[in-house]
Each structure stands twice: as C-alpha cells, then as structure tokens.
Amino acid sequence: MGSIIVPTSYFPPIKYFRNIQNNITTIECFEHYSKRSIRNRTQILHKNGLQLLTVPIIKKNYSKTLIKDIRISNQTWIKHHLNSIKSCYGSSPFFIYYFNDLAGILNKKHSFLLDLNNEILFYLLKTITITPHISYTYYYNKNIKQNKDKRNFKDEVDLTKPYQQVFTNDFVKNLSIIDLIFNTGPESKKYI
C-alpha cells in the first residue's frame, strides 16, 4: 500500500475510489481552485447521454482562492441536481436505498465546497464499505513524486469493470460513483 494525494471531489468518479481503496490518502485543501474539474463537477448518465452537474461557487477571485475557502454561491442548484439524479437513476435497481440519504446531504445547504464534498465522500465510503486512511493537507506541497500526486485527476485512466447501466447497453466509463451504487448496490465494491 502506497500513499497518494488527491483533490476534493463532488460525487467523485469511480476511479477516485480505486485510488483511495488501495492507498493511504491525503486530500488537498491548500491548492488554488481549478475550473472545470472534479472539485465541483460530476458526470452522470442520462437517457440522452452524459449530463454534467456543477456546484456553483462564488466567483470572487476564485483562481487565487484556496480550495478550503471556496464557498458555494447559492442553494438554487440543489433542486436541479436532485431532480437530475432522480431522472437519471429513478428506475435503477438500488435508487430507493440511497437517494434519500444523498438528498439529505445536499439539502443541508453547506457553505463551503470542501465540507459538502467531505460529507458526500464519507457517506459513499461507508456505503461501499471501504475504510481507507484519509488525512488532509496543512499546506501546499508542489514537490510530490509524480506517482503519488493524483491532484490532476483528468489524467487518470478509468479501469472500471463494466456493469449494467440504466439507458445503455454500451458501458460508459468515467461516471460518478453514484452511477455504480444506484446500479449495483451492495455489489459496488467488486467493480472498483
């Protein structure tokens, strides 16, 4: 088992959990916010293709703001995200077992993105029954060995084993972990 550093993530992709499961993990809190990343975005599968869900943030000089200080701009997005998740996964086999818990987390109306992401992450880890060692950074370290630095998650290869998804017979990779849990339920860990 090695150690890695990862970004915070909104409903992380499945490959995020593969990394966490096999490593001692540190979540980066002192990097500057990065636009168009998993920090506040996730992809789910809709009958018309991929759907992107983005948590809106306060855009006051966000490129110079530490991720730990990024604030969520308003709460109007919550209803949209919940409706989108319900539309995409309402007919999936395990939707009824997880949706209310996820809705409860989103409806808490967190002020900070990091707090929202952490609560989602720990709920999902418990659901999948992964018990990793997770810590948080106390400063930004730019000198991390390349194989341990997973902060740029776009470069990660998705090795997810195919499972049955709603709306498609052709397996779609790089989706949020909620696609996996709504479709496979207690068997989710086998696909990570």
C-alpha atoms as a PDB file:
ATOM      1  CA  MET A   1       0.000   0.000   0.000  1.00  0.00           C
ATOM      2  CA  GLY A   2       1.321   3.383  -1.010  1.00  0.00           C
ATOM      3  CA  SER A   3       0.333   6.941  -0.265  1.00  0.00           C
ATOM      4  CA  ILE A   4      -1.275   9.471  -2.614  1.00  0.00           C
ATOM      5  CA  ILE A   5      -2.617  12.991  -2.621  1.00  0.00           C
ATOM      6  CA  VAL A   6      -5.959  13.654  -4.340  1.00  0.00           C
ATOM      7  CA  PRO A   7      -8.203  16.679  -4.873  1.00  0.00           C
ATOM      8  CA  THR A   8     -11.519  17.093  -3.132  1.00  0.00           C
ATOM      9  CA  SER A   9     -14.333  15.947  -5.409  1.00  0.00           C
ATOM     10  CA  TYR A  10     -18.101  16.381  -5.822  1.00  0.00           C
ATOM     11  CA  PHE A  11     -19.604  12.883  -6.215  1.00  0.00           C
ATOM     12  CA  PRO A  12     -16.206  11.538  -7.319  1.00  0.00           C
ATOM     13  CA  PRO A  13     -15.711   9.263 -10.313  1.00  0.00           C
ATOM     14  CA  ILE A  14     -15.318   5.535  -9.713  1.00  0.00           C
ATOM     15  CA  LYS A  15     -11.563   5.663 -10.402  1.00  0.00           C
ATOM     16  CA  TYR A  16     -11.194   8.068  -7.445  1.00  0.00           C
ATOM     17  CA  PHE A  17     -12.378   5.295  -5.127  1.00  0.00           C
ATOM     18  CA  ARG A  18      -9.992   2.777  -6.679  1.00  0.00           C
ATOM     19  CA  ASN A  19      -7.123   5.082  -5.754  1.00  0.00           C
ATOM     20  CA  ILE A  20      -8.429   5.647  -2.230  1.00  0.00           C
ATOM     21  CA  GLN A  21      -9.086   1.958  -1.637  1.00  0.00           C
ATOM     22  CA  ASN A  22      -5.503   0.955  -2.395  1.00  0.00           C
ATOM     23  CA  ASN A  23      -3.588   3.816  -0.764  1.00  0.00           C
ATOM     24  CA  ILE A  24      -3.125   5.964   2.306  1.00  0.00           C
ATOM     25  CA  THR A  25      -4.844   9.111   1.057  1.00  0.00           C
ATOM     26  CA  THR A  26      -4.359  12.804   1.681  1.00  0.00           C
ATOM     27  CA  ILE A  27      -6.964  15.233   0.375  1.00  0.00           C
ATOM     28  CA  GLU A  28      -5.529  18.520  -0.891  1.00  0.00           C
ATOM     29  CA  CYS A  29      -7.022  21.565   0.875  1.00  0.00           C
ATOM     30  CA  PHE A  30      -4.399  24.216   0.086  1.00  0.00           C
ATOM     31  CA  GLU A  31      -4.314  24.216  -3.697  1.00  0.00           C
ATOM     32  CA  HIS A  32      -5.910  27.040  -5.631  1.00  0.00           C
ATOM     33  CA  TYR A  33      -9.318  26.294  -7.070  1.00  0.00           C
ATOM     34  CA  SER A  34      -9.191  24.713 -10.537  1.00  0.00           C
ATOM     35  CA  LYS A  35     -12.003  25.446 -13.018  1.00  0.00           C
ATOM     36  CA  ARG A  36     -13.816  22.641 -14.864  1.00  0.00           C
ATOM     37  CA  SER A  37     -12.593  19.886 -12.573  1.00  0.00           C
ATOM     38  CA  ILE A  38     -13.980  17.163 -10.328  1.00  0.00           C
ATOM     39  CA  ARG A  39     -13.707  19.550  -7.392  1.00  0.00           C
ATOM     40  CA  ASN A  40     -17.206  20.880  -8.048  1.00  0.00           C
ATOM     41  CA  ARG A  41     -18.394  18.837 -11.066  1.00  0.00           C
ATOM     42  CA  THR A  42     -19.533  15.300 -11.772  1.00  0.00           C
ATOM     43  CA  GLN A  43     -20.924  13.343 -14.718  1.00  0.00           C
ATOM     44  CA  ILE A  44     -23.982  11.140 -14.611  1.00  0.00           C
ATOM     45  CA  LEU A  45     -25.699   9.129 -17.333  1.00  0.00           C
ATOM     46  CA  HIS A  46     -28.972  10.453 -18.747  1.00  0.00           C
ATOM     47  CA  LYS A  47     -31.114   8.801 -21.414  1.00  0.00           C
ATOM     48  CA  ASN A  48     -29.820  11.458 -23.858  1.00  0.00           C
ATOM     49  CA  GLY A  49     -26.163  10.912 -22.939  1.00  0.00           C
ATOM     50  CA  LEU A  50     -23.830  12.370 -20.343  1.00  0.00           C
ATOM     51  CA  GLN A  51     -25.133  15.039 -18.001  1.00  0.00           C
ATOM     52  CA  LEU A  52     -22.793  17.347 -16.133  1.00  0.00           C
ATOM     53  CA  LEU A  53     -23.721  18.538 -12.643  1.00  0.00           C
ATOM     54  CA  THR A  54     -21.819  21.557 -11.337  1.00  0.00           C
ATOM     55  CA  VAL A  55     -21.947  23.097  -7.881  1.00  0.00           C
ATOM     56  CA  PRO A  56     -21.858  26.877  -8.413  1.00  0.00           C
ATOM     57  CA  ILE A  57     -19.185  28.709  -6.462  1.00  0.00           C
ATOM     58  CA  ILE A  58     -18.668  32.327  -5.533  1.00  0.00           C
ATOM     59  CA  LYS A  59     -16.506  33.632  -8.330  1.00  0.00           C
ATOM     60  CA  LYS A  60     -14.766  36.410  -6.428  1.00  0.00           C
ATOM     61  CA  ASN A  61     -11.139  35.887  -7.455  1.00  0.00           C
ATOM     62  CA  TYR A  62     -11.574  32.108  -7.196  1.00  0.00           C
ATOM     63  CA  SER A  63      -8.398  31.307  -9.145  1.00  0.00           C
ATOM     64  CA  LYS A  64      -6.429  32.749  -6.211  1.00  0.00           C
ATOM     65  CA  THR A  65      -8.626  31.201  -3.540  1.00  0.00           C
ATOM     66  CA  LEU A  66      -7.562  28.083  -1.679  1.00  0.00           C
ATOM     67  CA  ILE A  67      -9.908  25.144  -2.188  1.00  0.00           C
ATOM     68  CA  LYS A  68     -10.618  25.054   1.561  1.00  0.00           C
ATOM     69  CA  ASP A  69     -12.011  28.594   1.285  1.00  0.00           C
ATOM     70  CA  ILE A  70     -14.220  28.090  -1.791  1.00  0.00           C
ATOM     71  CA  ARG A  71     -17.802  28.984  -0.944  1.00  0.00           C
ATOM     72  CA  ILE A  72     -20.905  27.656  -2.647  1.00  0.00           C
ATOM     73  CA  SER A  73     -22.636  30.630  -4.254  1.00  0.00           C
ATOM     74  CA  ASN A  74     -26.302  29.839  -3.680  1.00  0.00           C
ATOM     75  CA  GLN A  75     -28.619  26.942  -2.961  1.00  0.00           C
ATOM     76  CA  THR A  76     -30.819  27.013  -6.094  1.00  0.00           C
ATOM     77  CA  TRP A  77     -28.723  24.273  -7.717  1.00  0.00           C
ATOM     78  CA  ILE A  78     -29.705  21.636  -5.141  1.00  0.00           C
ATOM     79  CA  LYS A  79     -33.202  21.074  -6.516  1.00  0.00           C
ATOM     80  CA  HIS A  80     -31.811  20.826 -10.065  1.00  0.00           C
ATOM     81  CA  HIS A  81     -29.173  18.259  -9.035  1.00  0.00           C
ATOM     82  CA  LEU A  82     -31.687  16.157  -7.099  1.00  0.00           C
ATOM     83  CA  ASN A  83     -34.166  16.240  -9.992  1.00  0.00           C
ATOM     84  CA  SER A  84     -31.407  15.279 -12.438  1.00  0.00           C
ATOM     85  CA  ILE A  85     -30.266  12.381 -10.264  1.00  0.00           C
ATOM     86  CA  LYS A  86     -33.868  11.221  -9.876  1.00  0.00           C
ATOM     87  CA  SER A  87     -34.465  11.485 -13.642  1.00  0.00           C
ATOM     88  CA  CYS A  88     -31.282   9.577 -14.460  1.00  0.00           C
ATOM     89  CA  TYR A  89     -31.427   6.878 -11.803  1.00  0.00           C
ATOM     90  CA  GLY A  90     -35.027   6.687 -10.554  1.00  0.00           C
ATOM     91  CA  SER A  91     -35.520   3.399 -12.414  1.00  0.00           C
ATOM     92  CA  SER A  92     -32.185   1.880 -11.345  1.00  0.00           C
ATOM     93  CA  PRO A  93     -32.372  -1.156  -9.044  1.00  0.00           C
ATOM     94  CA  PHE A  94     -30.883   0.447  -5.915  1.00  0.00           C
ATOM     95  CA  PHE A  95     -32.102   4.049  -6.238  1.00  0.00           C
ATOM     96  CA  ILE A  96     -34.571   3.757  -3.363  1.00  0.00           C
ATOM     97  CA  TYR A  97     -31.851   2.611  -0.965  1.00  0.00           C
ATOM     98  CA  TYR A  98     -29.515   5.610  -1.391  1.00  0.00           C
ATOM     99  CA  PHE A  99     -31.345   8.607  -2.839  1.00  0.00           C
ATOM    100  CA  ASN A 100     -32.906   9.910   0.384  1.00  0.00           C
ATOM    101  CA  ASP A 101     -29.560   9.851   2.185  1.00  0.00           C
ATOM    102  CA  LEU A 102     -27.877  11.746  -0.666  1.00  0.00           C
ATOM    103  CA  ALA A 103     -30.764  14.232  -0.799  1.00  0.00           C
ATOM    104  CA  GLY A 104     -30.368  14.770   2.943  1.00  0.00           C
ATOM    105  CA  ILE A 105     -26.692  15.622   2.497  1.00  0.00           C
ATOM    106  CA  LEU A 106     -27.359  18.079  -0.335  1.00  0.00           C
ATOM    107  CA  ASN A 107     -30.278  19.689   1.494  1.00  0.00           C
ATOM    108  CA  LYS A 108     -28.034  20.629   4.434  1.00  0.00           C
ATOM    109  CA  LYS A 109     -27.021  23.634   2.311  1.00  0.00           C
ATOM    110  CA  HIS A 110     -23.308  23.650   3.092  1.00  0.00           C
ATOM    111  CA  SER A 111     -21.478  26.969   2.830  1.00  0.00           C
ATOM    112  CA  PHE A 112     -18.103  25.527   1.791  1.00  0.00           C
ATOM    113  CA  LEU A 113     -17.450  23.172  -1.116  1.00  0.00           C
ATOM    114  CA  LEU A 114     -14.903  21.166   0.893  1.00  0.00           C
ATOM    115  CA  ASP A 115     -17.450  20.464   3.640  1.00  0.00           C
ATOM    116  CA  LEU A 116     -20.049  19.290   1.120  1.00  0.00           C
ATOM    117  CA  ASN A 117     -17.543  17.074  -0.688  1.00  0.00           C
ATOM    118  CA  ASN A 118     -16.244  15.555   2.549  1.00  0.00           C
ATOM    119  CA  GLU A 119     -19.715  14.636   3.772  1.00  0.00           C
ATOM    120  CA  ILE A 120     -20.559  13.068   0.409  1.00  0.00           C
ATOM    121  CA  LEU A 121     -17.233  11.199   0.321  1.00  0.00           C
ATOM    122  CA  PHE A 122     -17.605   9.661   3.777  1.00  0.00           C
ATOM    123  CA  TYR A 123     -21.202   8.633   3.114  1.00  0.00           C
ATOM    124  CA  LEU A 124     -20.128   6.935  -0.136  1.00  0.00           C
ATOM    125  CA  LEU A 125     -17.142   5.206   1.503  1.00  0.00           C
ATOM    126  CA  LYS A 126     -19.447   3.820   4.190  1.00  0.00           C
ATOM    127  CA  THR A 127     -21.965   2.714   1.536  1.00  0.00           C
ATOM    128  CA  ILE A 128     -19.328   0.880  -0.494  1.00  0.00           C
ATOM    129  CA  THR A 129     -17.682  -0.459   2.687  1.00  0.00           C
ATOM    130  CA  ILE A 130     -14.254   0.972   2.009  1.00  0.00           C
ATOM    131  CA  THR A 131     -12.414   2.058   5.151  1.00  0.00           C
ATOM    132  CA  PRO A 132      -9.370   3.986   3.976  1.00  0.00           C
ATOM    133  CA  HIS A 133      -6.925   6.075   5.934  1.00  0.00           C
ATOM    134  CA  ILE A 134      -7.676   9.700   4.955  1.00  0.00           C
ATOM    135  CA  SER A 135      -5.980  12.879   6.102  1.00  0.00           C
ATOM    136  CA  TYR A 136      -5.862  16.476   4.870  1.00  0.00           C
ATOM    137  CA  THR A 137      -3.049  18.777   3.807  1.00  0.00           C
ATOM    138  CA  TYR A 138      -1.970  21.655   6.029  1.00  0.00           C
ATOM    139  CA  TYR A 139      -0.022  23.460   3.303  1.00  0.00           C
ATOM    140  CA  TYR A 140       0.535  23.137  -0.434  1.00  0.00           C
ATOM    141  CA  ASN A 141       3.462  20.917  -1.372  1.00  0.00           C
ATOM    142  CA  LYS A 142       4.406  21.175  -5.045  1.00  0.00           C
ATOM    143  CA  ASN A 143       7.270  18.671  -4.704  1.00  0.00           C
ATOM    144  CA  ILE A 144       5.338  15.415  -4.553  1.00  0.00           C
ATOM    145  CA  LYS A 145       6.585  12.416  -6.503  1.00  0.00           C
ATOM    146  CA  GLN A 146       4.696  12.059  -9.771  1.00  0.00           C
ATOM    147  CA  ASN A 147       3.271   8.619  -8.985  1.00  0.00           C
ATOM    148  CA  LYS A 148       1.862   9.893  -5.668  1.00  0.00           C
ATOM    149  CA  ASP A 149       0.401  13.161  -6.989  1.00  0.00           C
ATOM    150  CA  LYS A 150      -3.164  12.469  -8.173  1.00  0.00           C
ATOM    151  CA  ARG A 151      -4.386  16.070  -7.913  1.00  0.00           C
ATOM    152  CA  ASN A 152      -4.802  16.323 -11.694  1.00  0.00           C
ATOM    153  CA  PHE A 153      -7.457  13.652 -11.964  1.00  0.00           C
ATOM    154  CA  LYS A 154      -8.117  14.230 -15.678  1.00  0.00           C
ATOM    155  CA  ASP A 155      -5.018  12.144 -16.457  1.00  0.00           C
ATOM    156  CA  GLU A 156      -6.211   9.080 -14.524  1.00  0.00           C
ATOM    157  CA  VAL A 157      -7.190   6.062 -16.619  1.00  0.00           C
ATOM    158  CA  ASP A 158     -10.570   4.533 -15.766  1.00  0.00           C
ATOM    159  CA  LEU A 159     -10.185   0.770 -15.324  1.00  0.00           C
ATOM    160  CA  THR A 160     -13.735   0.159 -14.123  1.00  0.00           C
ATOM    161  CA  LYS A 161     -15.095  -3.283 -14.911  1.00  0.00           C
ATOM    162  CA  PRO A 162     -18.328  -2.990 -16.958  1.00  0.00           C
ATOM    163  CA  TYR A 163     -21.629  -3.348 -15.115  1.00  0.00           C
ATOM    164  CA  GLN A 164     -25.243  -2.954 -16.261  1.00  0.00           C
ATOM    165  CA  GLN A 165     -26.193   0.731 -16.536  1.00  0.00           C
ATOM    166  CA  VAL A 166     -29.599   2.327 -16.973  1.00  0.00           C
ATOM    167  CA  PHE A 167     -30.314   3.692 -20.505  1.00  0.00           C
ATOM    168  CA  THR A 168     -27.497   1.894 -22.334  1.00  0.00           C
ATOM    169  CA  ASN A 169     -26.139  -1.476 -23.369  1.00  0.00           C
ATOM    170  CA  ASP A 170     -22.743   0.061 -24.168  1.00  0.00           C
ATOM    171  CA  PHE A 171     -20.809   0.627 -20.946  1.00  0.00           C
ATOM    172  CA  VAL A 172     -19.954   4.285 -20.274  1.00  0.00           C
ATOM    173  CA  LYS A 173     -16.786   4.985 -18.251  1.00  0.00           C
ATOM    174  CA  ASN A 174     -15.699   7.954 -16.139  1.00  0.00           C
ATOM    175  CA  LEU A 175     -19.049   8.470 -14.424  1.00  0.00           C
ATOM    176  CA  SER A 176     -19.783   9.476 -10.874  1.00  0.00           C
ATOM    177  CA  ILE A 177     -19.712   6.773  -8.224  1.00  0.00           C
ATOM    178  CA  ILE A 178     -23.466   7.259  -7.844  1.00  0.00           C
ATOM    179  CA  ASP A 179     -23.931   5.567 -11.215  1.00  0.00           C
ATOM    180  CA  LEU A 180     -22.256   2.497  -9.748  1.00  0.00           C
ATOM    181  CA  ILE A 181     -24.098   2.430  -6.417  1.00  0.00           C
ATOM    182  CA  PHE A 182     -27.536   3.034  -7.947  1.00  0.00           C
ATOM    183  CA  ASN A 183     -26.961   0.249 -10.470  1.00  0.00           C
ATOM    184  CA  THR A 184     -25.095  -2.368  -8.404  1.00  0.00           C
ATOM    185  CA  GLY A 185     -25.897  -1.544  -4.763  1.00  0.00           C
ATOM    186  CA  PRO A 186     -24.056  -3.757  -2.255  1.00  0.00           C
ATOM    187  CA  GLU A 187     -22.011  -5.264  -5.088  1.00  0.00           C
ATOM    188  CA  SER A 188     -20.379  -1.873  -5.862  1.00  0.00           C
ATOM    189  CA  LYS A 189     -17.065  -2.695  -4.214  1.00  0.00           C
ATOM    190  CA  LYS A 190     -16.489  -5.563  -6.671  1.00  0.00           C
ATOM    191  CA  TYR A 191     -16.351  -3.064  -9.567  1.00  0.00           C
ATOM    192  CA  ILE A 192     -13.817  -0.726  -8.026  1.00  0.00           C
END
